[in-house]
């Protein structure tokens, strides 16, 4: 399938599952797509870790789009942010906000480390 990018947006044709007929899936290549490992770890750990992954991802992608870090640095920022995080239970919205805030601060430190 070909994708056309116009004005920074991805333009995709409509997907008709009737026309496709059958979908096949393969085991993901975690070496080629290392962020999948981070996602699996976050799902397994639960608690605050998925919020940390999300916040670190948002900060890293923004830094990439702003040309502060390279594409391959996105994984480094997220991995290092997750590694620096001490997981906690999530019981309230404030717990999520706190995990998000802390992760964003750590991700920004990691972004500076990558861009130095």
N, C-alpha and C. Protein backbone atom coordinates (compact mmCIF):
# COMPACT_ATOMS: atom_id res chain seq x y z
N UNK A 1 0.85 -1.17 0.00
CA UNK A 1 0.00 0.00 0.00
C UNK A 1 0.89 1.24 0.00
N UNK A 2 0.57 2.20 -0.79
CA UNK A 2 1.34 3.43 -0.87
C UNK A 2 0.66 4.52 -0.05
N UNK A 3 1.45 5.37 0.56
CA UNK A 3 0.94 6.47 1.35
C UNK A 3 1.40 7.78 0.73
N UNK A 4 0.53 8.73 0.67
CA UNK A 4 0.86 10.03 0.11
C UNK A 4 0.83 11.05 1.25
N UNK A 5 1.91 11.79 1.39
CA UNK A 5 1.98 12.82 2.42
C UNK A 5 1.77 14.17 1.76
N UNK A 6 0.77 14.89 2.23
CA UNK A 6 0.46 16.21 1.70
C UNK A 6 0.41 17.19 2.86
N UNK A 7 1.16 18.27 2.73
CA UNK A 7 1.14 19.35 3.72
C UNK A 7 1.31 18.83 5.14
N UNK A 8 2.20 17.87 5.32
CA UNK A 8 2.48 17.36 6.66
C UNK A 8 1.43 16.38 7.17
N UNK A 9 0.44 16.06 6.38
CA UNK A 9 -0.58 15.10 6.80
C UNK A 9 -0.51 13.86 5.92
N UNK A 10 -0.77 12.75 6.53
CA UNK A 10 -0.77 11.49 5.81
C UNK A 10 -2.15 11.27 5.21
N UNK A 11 -2.19 11.07 3.91
CA UNK A 11 -3.45 10.85 3.21
C UNK A 11 -3.56 9.38 2.88
N UNK A 12 -4.54 8.69 3.48
CA UNK A 12 -4.70 7.26 3.27
C UNK A 12 -6.01 6.97 2.56
N UNK A 13 -6.01 5.97 1.69
CA UNK A 13 -7.28 5.56 1.09
C UNK A 13 -8.15 4.88 2.14
N UNK A 14 -9.44 4.84 1.92
CA UNK A 14 -10.35 4.15 2.82
C UNK A 14 -10.03 2.66 2.81
N UNK A 15 -10.19 2.03 3.95
CA UNK A 15 -9.92 0.61 4.07
C UNK A 15 -11.23 -0.15 3.99
N UNK A 16 -11.32 -1.03 3.05
CA UNK A 16 -12.50 -1.90 2.92
C UNK A 16 -12.07 -3.31 3.27
N UNK A 17 -12.50 -3.78 4.43
CA UNK A 17 -12.12 -5.13 4.84
C UNK A 17 -12.71 -6.19 3.92
N UNK A 18 -13.82 -5.88 3.31
CA UNK A 18 -14.39 -6.82 2.34
C UNK A 18 -13.46 -7.01 1.15
N UNK A 19 -12.84 -5.93 0.70
CA UNK A 19 -11.91 -6.02 -0.43
C UNK A 19 -10.61 -6.69 -0.03
N UNK A 20 -10.14 -6.42 1.19
CA UNK A 20 -8.90 -7.03 1.66
C UNK A 20 -9.08 -8.53 1.82
N UNK A 21 -10.20 -8.92 2.38
CA UNK A 21 -10.51 -10.34 2.52
C UNK A 21 -9.88 -11.00 3.71
N UNK A 22 -8.57 -10.91 3.85
CA UNK A 22 -7.89 -11.58 4.94
C UNK A 22 -6.71 -10.72 5.40
N UNK A 23 -6.55 -10.64 6.69
CA UNK A 23 -5.41 -9.95 7.27
C UNK A 23 -4.52 -10.99 7.93
N UNK A 24 -3.22 -10.83 7.80
CA UNK A 24 -2.28 -11.73 8.47
C UNK A 24 -1.37 -10.90 9.36
N UNK A 25 -1.00 -11.47 10.46
CA UNK A 25 -0.15 -10.78 11.42
C UNK A 25 1.06 -11.64 11.72
N UNK A 26 2.18 -10.98 11.92
CA UNK A 26 3.42 -11.66 12.27
C UNK A 26 3.88 -11.18 13.63
N UNK A 27 4.72 -11.97 14.25
CA UNK A 27 5.31 -11.57 15.52
C UNK A 27 6.11 -10.29 15.30
N UNK A 28 5.93 -9.27 16.14
CA UNK A 28 6.65 -8.02 15.91
C UNK A 28 8.16 -8.17 16.10
N UNK A 29 8.89 -7.43 15.31
CA UNK A 29 10.35 -7.41 15.38
C UNK A 29 10.75 -6.34 16.40
N UNK A 30 11.06 -6.77 17.62
CA UNK A 30 11.36 -5.83 18.70
C UNK A 30 12.71 -5.15 18.52
N UNK A 31 13.59 -5.72 17.72
CA UNK A 31 14.86 -5.04 17.43
C UNK A 31 14.63 -3.89 16.46
N UNK A 32 13.78 -4.11 15.49
CA UNK A 32 13.49 -3.06 14.50
C UNK A 32 12.58 -1.98 15.09
N UNK A 33 11.75 -2.37 16.05
CA UNK A 33 10.78 -1.45 16.65
C UNK A 33 10.91 -1.49 18.18
N UNK A 34 12.01 -0.92 18.72
CA UNK A 34 12.30 -1.07 20.15
C UNK A 34 11.26 -0.43 21.08
N UNK A 35 10.51 0.53 20.58
CA UNK A 35 9.50 1.13 21.45
C UNK A 35 8.36 0.17 21.77
N UNK A 36 8.19 -0.86 20.95
CA UNK A 36 7.20 -1.88 21.29
C UNK A 36 7.57 -2.57 22.61
N UNK A 37 8.85 -2.79 22.83
CA UNK A 37 9.30 -3.38 24.10
C UNK A 37 8.93 -2.47 25.26
N UNK A 38 9.12 -1.18 25.07
CA UNK A 38 8.74 -0.23 26.12
C UNK A 38 7.24 -0.29 26.40
N UNK A 39 6.46 -0.39 25.34
CA UNK A 39 5.01 -0.46 25.51
C UNK A 39 4.60 -1.74 26.23
N UNK A 40 5.19 -2.86 25.84
CA UNK A 40 4.88 -4.12 26.52
C UNK A 40 5.27 -4.05 28.00
N UNK A 41 6.42 -3.45 28.29
CA UNK A 41 6.86 -3.31 29.68
C UNK A 41 5.88 -2.44 30.48
N UNK A 42 5.44 -1.35 29.86
CA UNK A 42 4.50 -0.46 30.54
C UNK A 42 3.18 -1.17 30.83
N UNK A 43 2.71 -1.93 29.87
CA UNK A 43 1.47 -2.68 30.08
C UNK A 43 1.62 -3.70 31.20
N UNK A 44 2.74 -4.40 31.22
CA UNK A 44 2.98 -5.42 32.24
C UNK A 44 3.13 -4.79 33.63
N UNK A 45 3.85 -3.68 33.69
CA UNK A 45 4.09 -3.03 34.99
C UNK A 45 2.82 -2.37 35.52
N UNK A 46 2.05 -1.78 34.63
CA UNK A 46 0.82 -1.09 35.06
C UNK A 46 1.14 0.11 35.92
N UNK A 47 0.20 0.48 36.78
CA UNK A 47 0.39 1.62 37.66
C UNK A 47 0.71 2.88 36.89
N UNK A 48 1.74 3.56 37.32
CA UNK A 48 2.12 4.85 36.72
C UNK A 48 2.93 4.71 35.43
N UNK A 49 3.42 3.52 35.14
CA UNK A 49 4.36 3.36 34.02
C UNK A 49 3.74 3.71 32.66
N UNK A 50 2.51 3.29 32.34
CA UNK A 50 1.95 3.72 31.05
C UNK A 50 1.83 5.24 30.91
N UNK A 51 1.51 5.93 31.99
CA UNK A 51 1.43 7.39 31.93
C UNK A 51 2.81 7.99 31.68
N UNK A 52 3.82 7.39 32.27
CA UNK A 52 5.20 7.84 32.07
C UNK A 52 5.63 7.63 30.62
N UNK A 53 5.33 6.47 30.08
CA UNK A 53 5.66 6.20 28.67
C UNK A 53 4.98 7.24 27.78
N UNK A 54 3.71 7.49 28.02
CA UNK A 54 2.97 8.44 27.19
C UNK A 54 3.56 9.85 27.28
N UNK A 55 3.83 10.31 28.48
CA UNK A 55 4.38 11.65 28.66
C UNK A 55 5.75 11.77 28.01
N UNK A 56 6.59 10.76 28.21
CA UNK A 56 7.94 10.78 27.61
C UNK A 56 7.84 10.76 26.09
N UNK A 57 6.91 9.99 25.57
CA UNK A 57 6.72 9.93 24.12
C UNK A 57 6.30 11.30 23.58
N UNK A 58 5.35 11.94 24.22
CA UNK A 58 4.90 13.25 23.76
C UNK A 58 6.04 14.26 23.77
N UNK A 59 6.83 14.27 24.82
CA UNK A 59 7.95 15.21 24.91
C UNK A 59 9.01 14.89 23.86
N UNK A 60 9.33 13.61 23.68
CA UNK A 60 10.36 13.22 22.72
C UNK A 60 9.93 13.53 21.28
N UNK A 61 8.69 13.24 20.94
CA UNK A 61 8.22 13.52 19.59
C UNK A 61 8.20 15.01 19.33
N UNK A 62 7.77 15.79 20.31
CA UNK A 62 7.78 17.25 20.15
C UNK A 62 9.21 17.75 19.93
N UNK A 63 10.16 17.20 20.69
CA UNK A 63 11.57 17.60 20.52
C UNK A 63 12.08 17.21 19.13
N UNK A 64 11.67 16.05 18.64
CA UNK A 64 12.06 15.64 17.30
C UNK A 64 11.46 16.58 16.25
N UNK A 65 10.18 16.86 16.38
CA UNK A 65 9.52 17.74 15.40
C UNK A 65 10.10 19.15 15.43
N UNK A 66 10.62 19.55 16.59
CA UNK A 66 11.26 20.86 16.73
C UNK A 66 12.74 20.81 16.37
N UNK A 67 13.18 19.65 15.90
CA UNK A 67 14.57 19.43 15.47
C UNK A 67 15.58 19.61 16.59
N UNK A 68 15.16 19.30 17.83
CA UNK A 68 16.08 19.34 18.97
C UNK A 68 16.81 18.02 19.14
N UNK A 69 16.18 16.93 18.70
CA UNK A 69 16.79 15.61 18.77
C UNK A 69 16.54 14.89 17.44
N UNK A 70 17.32 13.85 17.20
CA UNK A 70 17.13 13.04 16.00
C UNK A 70 16.04 12.00 16.20
N UNK A 71 15.60 11.41 15.12
CA UNK A 71 14.55 10.41 15.16
C UNK A 71 14.91 9.25 16.08
N UNK A 72 16.13 8.76 15.97
CA UNK A 72 16.55 7.62 16.79
C UNK A 72 16.71 7.97 18.26
N UNK A 73 16.74 9.25 18.58
CA UNK A 73 16.82 9.68 19.98
C UNK A 73 15.47 9.54 20.69
N UNK A 74 14.39 9.46 19.95
CA UNK A 74 13.07 9.32 20.57
C UNK A 74 13.06 8.11 21.50
N UNK A 75 13.55 6.99 21.00
CA UNK A 75 13.58 5.77 21.83
C UNK A 75 14.46 5.97 23.06
N UNK A 76 15.61 6.60 22.88
CA UNK A 76 16.52 6.81 24.01
C UNK A 76 15.85 7.63 25.10
N UNK A 77 15.17 8.69 24.72
CA UNK A 77 14.50 9.56 25.69
C UNK A 77 13.44 8.78 26.46
N UNK A 78 12.63 8.02 25.74
CA UNK A 78 11.56 7.26 26.39
C UNK A 78 12.13 6.18 27.28
N UNK A 79 13.09 5.42 26.78
CA UNK A 79 13.70 4.34 27.56
C UNK A 79 14.34 4.88 28.84
N UNK A 80 15.11 5.94 28.72
CA UNK A 80 15.80 6.51 29.89
C UNK A 80 14.80 7.10 30.88
N UNK A 81 13.74 7.70 30.38
CA UNK A 81 12.71 8.25 31.26
C UNK A 81 12.02 7.13 32.02
N UNK A 82 11.69 6.06 31.34
CA UNK A 82 11.07 4.91 32.01
C UNK A 82 12.02 4.29 33.04
N UNK A 83 13.30 4.19 32.68
CA UNK A 83 14.28 3.60 33.59
C UNK A 83 14.46 4.44 34.85
N UNK A 84 14.32 5.74 34.72
CA UNK A 84 14.50 6.64 35.87
C UNK A 84 13.27 6.69 36.78
N UNK A 85 12.16 6.16 36.31
CA UNK A 85 10.90 6.26 37.04
C UNK A 85 10.74 5.15 38.07
N UNK A 86 10.31 5.50 39.26
CA UNK A 86 9.96 4.54 40.30
C UNK A 86 8.45 4.34 40.23
N UNK A 87 8.00 3.17 39.75
CA UNK A 87 6.56 2.96 39.56
C UNK A 87 5.76 3.13 40.85
N UNK A 88 4.58 3.69 40.69
CA UNK A 88 3.65 3.87 41.81
C UNK A 88 2.27 3.40 41.38
N UNK A 89 1.43 3.15 42.37
CA UNK A 89 0.05 2.78 42.09
C UNK A 89 -0.72 4.02 41.65
N UNK A 90 -1.69 3.82 40.81
CA UNK A 90 -2.56 4.91 40.37
C UNK A 90 -3.92 4.68 41.02
N UNK A 91 -4.29 5.60 41.90
CA UNK A 91 -5.58 5.50 42.58
C UNK A 91 -6.50 6.66 42.26
N UNK A 92 -5.87 7.78 41.87
CA UNK A 92 -6.67 8.98 41.61
C UNK A 92 -6.14 9.67 40.36
N UNK A 93 -6.90 10.61 39.87
CA UNK A 93 -6.45 11.42 38.74
C UNK A 93 -5.20 12.19 39.10
N UNK A 94 -5.11 12.65 40.34
CA UNK A 94 -3.91 13.36 40.78
C UNK A 94 -2.66 12.48 40.68
N UNK A 95 -2.81 11.17 40.90
CA UNK A 95 -1.68 10.25 40.75
C UNK A 95 -1.20 10.22 39.30
N UNK A 96 -2.14 10.22 38.37
CA UNK A 96 -1.79 10.22 36.95
C UNK A 96 -1.09 11.52 36.58
N UNK A 97 -1.65 12.63 37.05
CA UNK A 97 -1.08 13.95 36.73
C UNK A 97 0.32 14.07 37.31
N UNK A 98 0.52 13.55 38.51
CA UNK A 98 1.84 13.59 39.14
C UNK A 98 2.85 12.75 38.35
N UNK A 99 2.47 11.56 37.93
CA UNK A 99 3.36 10.71 37.14
C UNK A 99 3.69 11.38 35.82
N UNK A 100 2.67 11.97 35.19
CA UNK A 100 2.86 12.66 33.92
C UNK A 100 3.83 13.83 34.09
N UNK A 101 3.61 14.63 35.10
CA UNK A 101 4.46 15.81 35.33
C UNK A 101 5.91 15.41 35.57
N UNK A 102 6.12 14.41 36.42
CA UNK A 102 7.48 13.96 36.71
C UNK A 102 8.17 13.38 35.48
N UNK A 103 7.41 12.63 34.69
CA UNK A 103 7.98 12.04 33.47
C UNK A 103 8.36 13.11 32.47
N UNK A 104 7.54 14.14 32.35
CA UNK A 104 7.86 15.21 31.41
C UNK A 104 9.14 15.93 31.82
N UNK A 105 9.32 16.16 33.11
CA UNK A 105 10.55 16.80 33.59
C UNK A 105 11.77 15.92 33.27
N UNK A 106 11.64 14.63 33.55
CA UNK A 106 12.76 13.71 33.27
C UNK A 106 13.01 13.61 31.76
N UNK A 107 11.96 13.54 30.98
CA UNK A 107 12.13 13.47 29.52
C UNK A 107 12.85 14.71 29.00
N UNK A 108 12.52 15.86 29.53
CA UNK A 108 13.21 17.09 29.10
C UNK A 108 14.68 17.05 29.45
N UNK A 109 15.01 16.47 30.62
CA UNK A 109 16.43 16.30 30.98
C UNK A 109 17.11 15.37 29.97
N UNK A 110 16.43 14.31 29.61
CA UNK A 110 17.00 13.37 28.65
C UNK A 110 17.14 13.97 27.26
N UNK A 111 16.21 14.84 26.90
CA UNK A 111 16.30 15.53 25.61
C UNK A 111 17.53 16.43 25.59
N UNK A 112 17.76 17.15 26.69
CA UNK A 112 18.96 17.99 26.77
C UNK A 112 20.22 17.15 26.67
N UNK A 113 20.18 15.99 27.29
CA UNK A 113 21.33 15.07 27.24
C UNK A 113 21.60 14.62 25.80
N UNK A 114 20.55 14.35 25.04
CA UNK A 114 20.70 13.90 23.65
C UNK A 114 21.17 15.03 22.74
N UNK A 115 20.74 16.24 23.06
CA UNK A 115 21.06 17.36 22.17
C UNK A 115 22.36 18.06 22.55
N UNK A 116 22.99 17.61 23.63
CA UNK A 116 24.24 18.24 24.07
C UNK A 116 25.42 17.76 23.25
